[in-house]
Structures are given as C-alpha cells and as structure tokens.
Amino acid sequence: MRAVMFRAYGPPEVLTQAELPAPVPKDDQVLVRVHATTVTSAECGMRRGEPRWGRVILGLRRPRRGIRVLGLEFAGRVDAVGPLVRRHRVGDRVFGFTGFAVGANAEYKCLPEKASFTTMPDGVGYPEAAAAVDGFTTAWYFLHTLARVRAGQKVLVIGASGSIGTYAVQIAALAGAEVHGVCSGRNAELVESLGATRVHDHTVSDFTASGERYDVIFDTVTRSTFARCRPVLAPRGCYLPTTGLVNNVHALRTAVTGGPRVRTGMSVRKHEALAQLHDLIAQQRIRVVIDRSYPLSEIVEAHRYVDSGRKVGNVVITV
C-alpha cells in the first residue's frame, strides 16, 4: 500500500513516499481503506519533534517505528473485519480519530472496533468527514465537558479561524453563548459567519484592552497565558489552554484557590463527541471549513502550508 513516512525529525522534506505491506485486521479490528485524511498543526509538531518533552513519547532521537506514518483524522470505507467485530460491516463508510497510533497517511489503517470512529452520515463526502473529526471533538471536549458552556455566557475563542477555533465558535454559539473571536482581520468575516458577534484582529488590537469580560476564554493555539487573560475573566471564569505543561500546574493551583480557574486536558477518547458531530453534520448545523486539499503525493507541500501559519480551518489530504 502507499503511505507517507518520516524516519527523522525535521522540515516537511523528511516525509517520504513508501510502499508498505497492507495491514491485516486482528480478531477485534476493522480494516479501513482511507479515502481522506488531514494535516494538522499537531502532526507538524510531531514531525518536528516538538515540543521537546514530547519526544519521551515520540522517540528521543528519531520517531519510534509505530508512529512513522502520521495521520490523526480519517474517513474511508471498511474493507475487512475481524471475526469478533460486531458494530461494523464491510462496506460501511466510517470516520474517526487514530489517536496515539496515528497512521492515516496511508491507503489502509487497522483500528480496534472500540477505537474512536463511527459511521458517516449520508450525503457527507470523505474530505468533509475527515476534516470534521479532531477540531470538533477537541472543541467539544474543552467547551462542553470541561467548561460546560451554556446560554447567556460570554465566550472568547483565541485562534478562531483555525481548525479547532472554527468549531469552537460554532459549538459555543449553538449552546446559546455570546461568542467573540480573536484572529487576523482577513478572517474576521468567516468567523462572524460562524456565529461570532465580535472579532478582535490580533494584528492591530489587544483583546485584553477591549473592556470586555468573559466567562470562558478558550485559547486554541496557546498564544496567550493565564496571567494575561485573568484580568478579563469573570470572577468565576475559566481559561482553557490546549497545550503547555505550565498550564497543568495552573489547573491544580486554581482548583483549590478562589477566582478564575484553569482547566486543561487531552481529548483522546472521542466517542461521545463523535456521536454529537454525526448528528450535527447530518442536520447541517455544523459547517466544516476546508482551506486547501492536496493528494497524498503532495503531502510535503501540505505540511509546508500548515507550517506557514496561514491555514484557515482544515487542510485535507485525499488518498
């Protein structure tokens, strides 16, 4: 099967095309023929071996054998199932998240039946389904599970035009919150169309000087800090950063002190969020923003584009 591998950390050029044996599903596994996957900022960080502490998991000097084929999101068709599989059949259209196993930058991927994937809604294409998975489920985890955003609250989304951010704006708006976004001015119209009532252009203004106060600040790109955001958080407000080891310390400290709190974590098991996503896409209540699409053979160029920081929404790879 065709796949894209990396055997060393570095720039996009470390990615190489390869021919690998097609995987064979174990008794409790499903074999998916991948039709679409994506390139995310998280994967570009993995390719670079960043952050450095992450190499404890990825591999100290070079990527471990098990993660040399990247790809976190996928959409495709079930090609074979193990004898113990009950929920899926050959021919099912499915979409989901590979987790720490990665591996969706290839023609085939084996997953345990209990992994984070589900059937695709009728009428939804593979590129759209693949591009919906990680951004939506991460935003759902932070806003719904951790912050429990509800009607009447005021929510600020930093990085509102990115993959996670475009879904965060929509999820908060669907919950009945008043949503503000932070992004560059060129993307303000998009963010407003997704449900934001005000957009701060980070290239010309500072949202902390806007006079607003927020119940929730969700930093999808870790461009801020708790110290910077705390003055504009409500007394019982919540700061949600997606990354940063220091934020785990802040989360522990603010859990036992008064005032605004830090809540953070990792969205790994995505079954509940995927069920919500399935229904919202089927009802056309969630918009999937796709910036660019590349064939698998041009994945190096896709990584270059994501590294540039100009990505809006999602970058799709067709397999």
Protein backbone atom coordinates (compact mmCIF):
# COMPACT_ATOMS: atom_id res chain seq x y z
CA MET A 1 0.00 0.00 0.00
CA ARG A 2 1.03 3.62 -0.49
CA ALA A 3 2.00 5.53 2.64
CA VAL A 4 3.96 8.61 3.72
CA MET A 5 6.68 8.06 6.35
CA PHE A 6 9.22 10.06 8.31
CA ARG A 7 12.30 8.49 9.87
CA ALA A 8 13.86 11.65 11.32
CA TYR A 9 12.60 14.89 12.86
CA GLY A 10 12.79 17.99 10.75
CA PRO A 11 11.18 20.10 8.00
CA PRO A 12 8.46 18.82 5.66
CA GLU A 13 11.10 17.29 3.40
CA VAL A 14 11.69 14.46 5.92
CA LEU A 15 8.39 13.00 4.70
CA THR A 16 8.88 10.33 2.03
CA GLN A 17 6.57 8.20 -0.09
CA ALA A 18 6.78 4.48 0.68
CA GLU A 19 5.27 1.13 -0.29
CA LEU A 20 4.34 -0.88 2.80
CA PRO A 21 2.55 -4.20 3.31
CA ALA A 22 -1.19 -3.72 3.74
CA PRO A 23 -2.21 -4.41 7.37
CA VAL A 24 -4.34 -7.43 8.24
CA PRO A 25 -7.02 -6.93 10.90
CA LYS A 26 -6.82 -8.89 14.13
CA ASP A 27 -9.89 -10.61 15.57
CA ASP A 28 -11.26 -7.40 17.15
CA GLN A 29 -10.09 -4.99 14.44
CA VAL A 30 -11.53 -3.22 11.42
CA LEU A 31 -9.52 -2.56 8.26
CA VAL A 32 -10.39 0.82 6.76
CA ARG A 33 -9.50 1.85 3.25
CA VAL A 34 -8.65 5.52 3.79
CA HIS A 35 -10.18 7.96 1.31
CA ALA A 36 -9.27 11.21 3.08
CA THR A 37 -7.13 12.39 5.97
CA THR A 38 -5.76 15.78 7.06
CA VAL A 39 -2.61 17.64 8.04
CA THR A 40 -2.95 19.28 11.45
CA SER A 41 -0.71 21.61 13.42
CA ALA A 42 -0.29 18.82 15.97
CA GLU A 43 1.12 16.47 13.33
CA CYS A 44 3.51 19.13 12.07
CA GLY A 45 4.77 19.43 15.64
CA MET A 46 5.22 15.65 15.80
CA ARG A 47 7.15 15.76 12.53
CA ARG A 48 9.48 18.39 14.01
CA GLY A 49 9.78 16.52 17.32
CA GLU A 50 8.22 19.45 19.19
CA PRO A 51 7.72 20.18 21.98
CA ARG A 52 10.97 18.54 23.06
CA TRP A 53 9.39 16.90 26.11
CA GLY A 54 7.04 15.11 23.73
CA ARG A 55 9.96 13.04 22.45
CA VAL A 56 9.60 10.92 25.57
CA ILE A 57 6.52 9.55 23.80
CA LEU A 58 7.51 10.07 20.16
CA GLY A 59 11.11 8.82 20.41
CA LEU A 60 14.15 10.59 21.83
CA ARG A 61 16.41 10.82 18.77
CA ARG A 62 14.10 9.73 15.99
CA PRO A 63 10.42 8.81 15.71
CA ARG A 64 9.53 5.38 17.04
CA ARG A 65 8.66 2.77 14.43
CA GLY A 66 4.99 2.78 15.42
CA ILE A 67 4.45 6.48 14.64
CA ARG A 68 6.47 6.90 11.45
CA VAL A 69 3.27 7.12 9.41
CA LEU A 70 1.38 10.19 10.58
CA GLY A 71 -2.33 10.92 10.19
CA LEU A 72 -4.76 11.54 13.05
CA GLU A 73 -8.07 12.02 11.23
CA PHE A 74 -9.53 9.76 8.58
CA ALA A 75 -12.61 8.96 6.56
CA GLY A 76 -12.98 5.84 4.48
CA ARG A 77 -14.73 2.55 3.86
CA VAL A 78 -14.50 -0.68 5.87
CA ASP A 79 -12.62 -3.19 3.73
CA ALA A 80 -12.43 -6.14 6.15
CA VAL A 81 -13.37 -7.02 9.75
CA GLY A 82 -12.09 -9.50 12.30
CA PRO A 83 -14.36 -12.33 13.47
CA LEU A 84 -15.11 -10.65 16.82
CA VAL A 85 -16.25 -7.34 15.31
CA ARG A 86 -19.96 -6.68 15.80
CA ARG A 87 -20.62 -2.97 15.21
CA HIS A 88 -19.23 -2.60 11.69
CA ARG A 89 -19.58 -4.41 8.37
CA VAL A 90 -17.61 -4.48 5.17
CA GLY A 91 -18.72 -1.51 3.07
CA ASP A 92 -19.57 0.81 5.96
CA ARG A 93 -18.46 4.41 5.44
CA VAL A 94 -16.69 5.49 8.63
CA PHE A 95 -14.77 8.45 10.01
CA GLY A 96 -12.76 8.96 13.18
CA PHE A 97 -9.53 9.51 15.07
CA THR A 98 -6.49 7.25 15.20
CA GLY A 99 -5.14 8.66 18.49
CA PHE A 100 -1.57 7.92 19.52
CA ALA A 101 -1.43 5.13 16.92
CA VAL A 102 -1.59 7.72 14.07
CA GLY A 103 -1.16 6.03 10.65
CA ALA A 104 -3.90 7.57 8.48
CA ASN A 105 -1.43 8.94 5.90
CA ALA A 106 -1.75 5.64 4.05
CA GLU A 107 -4.17 3.70 1.88
CA TYR A 108 -5.19 1.38 4.75
CA LYS A 109 -5.45 1.60 8.52
CA CYS A 110 -6.38 -1.08 11.08
CA LEU A 111 -8.25 0.01 14.20
CA PRO A 112 -9.76 -1.85 17.17
CA GLU A 113 -13.55 -1.82 17.00
CA LYS A 114 -13.58 0.14 20.28
CA ALA A 115 -11.41 2.94 18.81
CA SER A 116 -12.77 6.46 18.28
CA PHE A 117 -14.62 6.12 14.97
CA THR A 118 -18.21 5.78 13.80
CA THR A 119 -20.33 5.63 10.65
CA MET A 120 -20.55 8.68 8.42
CA PRO A 121 -23.85 10.50 7.87
CA ASP A 122 -25.49 10.00 4.48
CA GLY A 123 -24.70 12.68 1.94
CA VAL A 124 -21.40 13.73 3.54
CA GLY A 125 -18.20 13.38 1.50
CA TYR A 126 -14.97 11.82 2.73
CA PRO A 127 -12.95 15.09 2.75
CA GLU A 128 -15.60 16.89 4.80
CA ALA A 129 -15.92 13.99 7.25
CA ALA A 130 -12.16 13.67 7.80
CA ALA A 131 -11.79 17.42 8.33
CA ALA A 132 -14.50 17.44 10.98
CA VAL A 133 -13.09 14.94 13.46
CA ASP A 134 -10.28 16.33 15.60
CA GLY A 135 -11.15 20.03 15.50
CA PHE A 136 -14.76 19.46 16.50
CA THR A 137 -14.14 16.79 19.12
CA THR A 138 -11.34 18.81 20.76
CA ALA A 139 -13.51 21.94 20.89
CA TRP A 140 -16.40 19.87 22.25
CA TYR A 141 -14.21 18.39 24.98
CA PHE A 142 -12.99 21.78 26.19
CA LEU A 143 -16.21 23.77 25.87
CA HIS A 144 -18.81 21.12 26.69
CA THR A 145 -17.01 18.68 29.01
CA LEU A 146 -14.56 20.97 30.84
CA ALA A 147 -16.22 24.41 30.79
CA ARG A 148 -19.86 23.36 30.36
CA VAL A 149 -20.64 26.44 28.30
CA ARG A 150 -24.28 27.45 28.47
CA ALA A 151 -26.72 30.07 27.26
CA GLY A 152 -26.10 33.60 28.46
CA GLN A 153 -22.35 33.22 28.95
CA LYS A 154 -19.73 35.22 27.07
CA VAL A 155 -17.03 33.14 25.38
CA LEU A 156 -13.79 34.28 23.72
CA VAL A 157 -12.11 31.95 21.22
CA ILE A 158 -8.46 32.71 20.50
CA GLY A 159 -7.39 31.31 17.14
CA ALA A 160 -10.99 31.44 15.96
CA SER A 161 -10.18 30.83 12.28
CA GLY A 162 -8.20 27.61 12.82
CA SER A 163 -9.38 24.02 12.79
CA ILE A 164 -10.33 23.88 16.47
CA GLY A 165 -11.35 27.54 16.53
CA THR A 166 -13.91 27.38 13.71
CA TYR A 167 -15.69 24.57 15.53
CA ALA A 168 -15.35 26.25 18.93
CA VAL A 169 -17.15 29.36 17.67
CA GLN A 170 -20.00 27.23 16.34
CA ILE A 171 -20.28 25.00 19.43
CA ALA A 172 -20.41 27.96 21.79
CA ALA A 173 -22.97 29.73 19.59
CA LEU A 174 -25.14 26.59 19.41
CA ALA A 175 -25.06 26.48 23.24
CA GLY A 176 -26.56 29.99 23.30
CA ALA A 177 -23.43 31.83 24.40
CA GLU A 178 -22.32 35.21 23.09
CA VAL A 179 -19.14 34.44 21.16
CA HIS A 180 -16.19 36.71 20.39
CA GLY A 181 -13.20 35.62 18.34
CA VAL A 182 -9.52 36.52 18.00
CA CYS A 183 -7.93 36.08 14.58
CA SER A 184 -6.36 38.14 11.80
CA GLY A 185 -8.55 40.74 10.12
CA ARG A 186 -8.61 38.84 6.81
CA ASN A 187 -10.54 36.03 8.51
CA ALA A 188 -12.96 38.19 10.50
CA GLU A 189 -15.83 37.79 8.04
CA LEU A 190 -15.53 34.00 8.17
CA VAL A 191 -15.53 33.92 11.97
CA GLU A 192 -18.57 36.19 12.09
CA SER A 193 -20.39 33.92 9.64
CA LEU A 194 -19.80 31.01 12.04
CA GLY A 195 -21.55 32.77 14.91
CA ALA A 196 -19.19 35.32 16.47
CA THR A 197 -20.76 38.69 17.30
CA ARG A 198 -17.41 40.46 17.65
CA VAL A 199 -13.95 39.74 16.26
CA HIS A 200 -10.68 41.12 17.62
CA ASP A 201 -7.98 41.50 14.94
CA HIS A 202 -4.85 40.41 16.80
CA THR A 203 -2.64 42.25 14.30
CA VAL A 204 -3.98 45.68 15.28
CA SER A 205 -5.55 45.42 18.74
CA ASP A 206 -5.28 43.70 22.11
CA PHE A 207 -8.40 41.89 23.29
CA THR A 208 -7.39 42.44 26.91
CA ALA A 209 -7.85 46.20 26.38
CA SER A 210 -11.31 45.89 24.84
CA GLY A 211 -13.24 46.43 28.06
CA GLU A 212 -14.92 43.02 27.75
CA ARG A 213 -15.06 40.37 30.45
CA TYR A 214 -15.52 36.70 29.65
CA ASP A 215 -16.91 33.64 31.38
CA VAL A 216 -14.72 31.39 29.21
CA ILE A 217 -11.54 32.08 27.26
CA PHE A 218 -10.60 29.18 25.01
CA ASP A 219 -7.08 29.51 23.57
CA THR A 220 -6.98 27.00 20.74
CA VAL A 221 -3.43 27.93 19.68
CA THR A 222 -1.78 28.76 23.05
CA ARG A 223 -0.92 32.32 22.03
CA SER A 224 -1.91 33.75 25.40
CA THR A 225 -1.23 32.96 29.05
CA PHE A 226 -3.41 32.65 32.11
CA ALA A 227 -1.70 35.70 33.61
CA ARG A 228 -2.56 37.79 30.56
CA CYS A 229 -6.17 36.59 30.37
CA ARG A 230 -7.00 36.63 34.07
CA PRO A 231 -7.87 40.37 34.23
CA VAL A 232 -10.60 39.93 31.59
CA LEU A 233 -12.06 36.74 33.07
CA ALA A 234 -15.21 36.87 35.17
CA PRO A 235 -14.71 36.14 38.92
CA ARG A 236 -15.69 32.51 38.31
CA GLY A 237 -14.41 32.44 34.76
CA CYS A 238 -12.49 29.66 33.08
CA TYR A 239 -9.30 29.74 30.99
CA LEU A 240 -8.93 26.80 28.61
CA PRO A 241 -5.48 26.27 27.01
CA THR A 242 -4.98 23.30 24.67
CA THR A 243 -1.25 22.84 25.38
CA GLY A 244 1.57 23.85 27.74
CA LEU A 245 2.93 21.91 30.72
CA VAL A 246 2.78 25.00 32.94
CA ASN A 247 -0.98 25.12 32.44
CA ASN A 248 -1.33 21.79 34.22
CA VAL A 249 0.32 23.40 37.24
CA HIS A 250 -2.05 26.37 36.99
CA ALA A 251 -5.01 23.97 36.76
CA LEU A 252 -4.01 22.22 40.00
CA ARG A 253 -3.36 25.50 41.81
CA THR A 254 -6.55 27.27 40.74
CA ALA A 255 -8.64 24.22 41.62
CA VAL A 256 -8.00 24.93 45.31
CA THR A 257 -7.86 28.73 45.25
CA GLY A 258 -10.54 31.33 44.63
CA GLY A 259 -11.09 33.26 41.44
CA PRO A 260 -10.84 32.23 37.78
CA ARG A 261 -9.76 28.69 37.07
CA VAL A 262 -7.59 26.96 34.51
CA ARG A 263 -8.93 23.75 33.02
CA THR A 264 -6.97 21.70 30.54
CA GLY A 265 -6.55 18.12 29.37
CA MET A 266 -6.40 15.91 26.29
CA SER A 267 -9.29 14.76 24.16
CA VAL A 268 -8.33 11.17 23.32
CA ARG A 269 -11.46 9.03 23.62
CA LYS A 270 -13.91 10.79 21.33
CA HIS A 271 -16.95 8.53 21.18
CA GLU A 272 -19.44 10.93 22.79
CA ALA A 273 -18.22 13.90 20.77
CA LEU A 274 -18.27 11.89 17.53
CA ALA A 275 -21.90 10.97 18.16
CA GLN A 276 -22.73 14.66 18.56
CA LEU A 277 -20.73 15.51 15.45
CA HIS A 278 -22.51 12.84 13.41
CA ASP A 279 -25.91 14.30 14.29
CA LEU A 280 -24.93 17.95 13.78
CA ILE A 281 -23.39 17.27 10.36
CA ALA A 282 -26.40 15.19 9.33
CA GLN A 283 -28.67 18.10 10.36
CA GLN A 284 -26.37 20.60 8.58
CA ARG A 285 -25.95 22.56 11.82
CA ILE A 286 -22.13 22.48 11.73
CA ARG A 287 -20.04 23.93 8.93
CA VAL A 288 -16.75 22.26 8.00
CA VAL A 289 -14.20 24.83 6.82
CA ILE A 290 -11.68 23.39 4.33
CA ASP A 291 -8.88 25.72 3.26
CA ARG A 292 -6.96 23.52 0.81
CA SER A 293 -6.91 19.95 -0.43
CA TYR A 294 -3.85 18.02 -1.64
CA PRO A 295 -3.35 14.49 -2.97
CA LEU A 296 -1.25 12.15 -0.83
CA SER A 297 1.63 12.57 -3.27
CA GLU A 298 1.80 16.31 -2.39
CA ILE A 299 1.72 15.96 1.39
CA VAL A 300 5.10 17.69 1.76
CA GLU A 301 3.58 20.84 0.26
CA ALA A 302 0.60 20.48 2.59
CA HIS A 303 2.93 20.38 5.61
CA ARG A 304 4.76 23.47 4.31
CA TYR A 305 1.45 25.30 4.11
CA VAL A 306 0.36 24.34 7.62
CA ASP A 307 3.81 25.32 8.95
CA SER A 308 3.34 28.77 7.39
CA GLY A 309 0.63 29.60 9.94
CA ARG A 310 -1.74 30.83 7.21
CA LYS A 311 -4.10 27.84 7.39
CA VAL A 312 -7.79 28.67 7.80
CA GLY A 313 -9.89 25.78 9.08
CA ASN A 314 -8.60 22.47 7.76
CA VAL A 315 -6.15 21.10 5.20
CA VAL A 316 -7.31 17.83 3.62
CA ILE A 317 -5.30 15.01 2.04
CA THR A 318 -7.08 12.80 -0.49
CA VAL A 319 -5.79 9.23 -0.64
